[in-house]
Protein backbone atom coordinates (compact mmCIF):
# COMPACT_ATOMS: atom_id res chain seq x y z
CA MET A 1 0.00 0.00 0.00
CA LYS A 2 1.32 3.45 -0.85
CA TYR A 3 0.63 6.56 1.25
CA THR A 4 1.51 10.08 0.08
CA ALA A 5 1.71 13.13 2.32
CA SER A 6 -0.44 16.13 1.56
CA ARG A 7 1.10 18.87 -0.59
CA LEU A 8 -0.54 21.40 1.73
CA SER A 9 1.56 20.28 4.69
CA GLU A 10 4.85 21.83 5.73
CA GLY A 11 7.87 20.60 3.76
CA ASN A 12 5.83 18.74 1.13
CA LYS A 13 4.90 21.53 -1.31
CA LEU A 14 6.78 20.32 -4.40
CA PHE A 15 7.83 16.81 -3.45
CA PRO A 16 5.54 15.07 -0.96
CA THR A 17 6.86 12.28 1.25
CA GLN A 18 5.74 8.74 0.47
CA ILE A 19 5.53 5.66 2.66
CA ILE A 20 5.17 2.31 0.92
CA VAL A 21 4.01 -0.62 3.06
CA GLU A 22 5.26 -3.91 1.62
CA PRO A 23 4.97 -7.53 2.81
CA THR A 24 8.55 -7.57 4.19
CA GLY A 25 8.88 -3.99 5.46
CA ILE A 26 8.37 -0.34 4.64
CA THR A 27 10.06 2.16 2.35
CA ILE A 28 10.10 5.86 3.20
CA LYS A 29 10.79 8.24 0.31
CA ILE A 30 11.58 11.84 1.25
CA PRO A 31 12.30 13.56 -2.08
CA GLY A 32 14.21 16.80 -2.49
CA LEU A 33 15.00 19.29 -5.21
CA PHE A 34 18.48 18.00 -6.02
CA SER A 35 18.60 14.86 -3.95
CA GLY A 36 16.24 12.74 -1.94
CA ASP A 37 16.36 10.23 0.84
CA GLU A 38 14.96 6.73 0.55
CA THR A 39 15.04 4.30 3.45
CA SER A 40 13.89 0.69 3.39
CA VAL A 41 13.29 -0.94 6.76
CA ALA A 42 12.40 -4.56 7.48
CA TYR A 43 9.64 -5.10 10.04
CA ASP A 44 11.87 -7.09 12.37
CA SER A 45 14.32 -4.18 12.70
CA ILE A 46 11.65 -1.64 13.72
CA SER A 47 11.77 -1.17 17.47
CA ALA A 48 8.95 1.39 17.82
CA VAL A 49 6.40 3.41 15.88
CA GLU A 50 4.92 6.69 17.11
CA ILE A 51 2.33 8.97 15.58
CA ASP A 52 1.42 12.53 16.50
CA THR A 53 -2.13 13.32 15.43
CA PRO A 54 -3.09 16.88 16.31
CA LEU A 55 -6.74 17.91 16.48
CA ILE A 56 -6.20 20.24 13.52
CA GLY A 57 -3.49 19.71 10.94
CA TYR A 58 -1.45 16.85 9.59
CA SER A 59 0.03 13.88 11.40
CA THR A 60 3.67 12.99 11.90
CA ILE A 61 4.86 9.39 12.03
CA ARG A 62 8.19 8.26 13.53
CA PHE A 63 9.96 4.93 13.08
CA TYR A 64 12.83 3.80 15.26
CA HIS A 65 15.09 1.13 13.82
CA ASN A 66 18.61 0.04 14.74
CA GLY A 67 19.18 3.19 16.78
CA ASN A 68 17.99 5.53 13.99
CA LYS A 69 14.89 7.69 13.83
CA VAL A 70 13.03 8.33 10.57
CA GLU A 71 10.28 10.96 10.66
CA ALA A 72 7.66 11.81 8.02
CA HIS A 73 5.10 14.62 8.26
CA GLY A 74 1.96 15.51 6.35
CA PHE A 75 -0.24 12.44 6.52
CA SER A 76 -3.93 12.41 7.38
CA LYS A 77 -4.89 11.03 10.78
CA SER A 78 -6.50 7.96 9.22
CA ASP A 79 -3.45 7.27 7.00
CA ALA A 80 -1.10 7.57 9.99
CA LYS A 81 -3.21 5.09 11.98
CA GLU A 82 -3.34 2.67 9.02
CA ILE A 83 0.44 2.86 8.57
CA LYS A 84 1.03 2.24 12.27
CA ALA A 85 -1.39 -0.72 12.30
CA ALA A 86 0.24 -2.23 9.19
CA ILE A 87 3.69 -1.91 10.76
CA GLU A 88 2.56 -3.47 14.04
CA ASN A 89 0.94 -6.35 12.12
CA GLY A 90 4.14 -6.83 10.11
CA ARG A 91 6.24 -6.78 13.27
CA GLY A 92 3.98 -9.42 14.79
CA ARG A 93 4.34 -11.67 11.73
CA ALA A 94 8.13 -11.18 11.67
CA ARG A 95 8.46 -12.22 15.33
CA GLY A 96 5.88 -14.97 15.30
């Protein structure tokens, strides 16, 4: 499943962030004007997932893996909850 941040959110005007949920893990694409950042993370290496869902505005989702933090902003509240649930399900399958 592919989730794309809103272009109306901060930092996503020209190149919105994308999170791709795959059977083996997730890929976070944070594009930029001259260069971008793409991180692929297997479910079993994700130690925690956090979401900030303000009453008004866009949600931020954070992944912690192998001592690193990856943060993406600009997702709807429902998308952020779906991403978190998919990651937790994937983590459960990877451990079980």
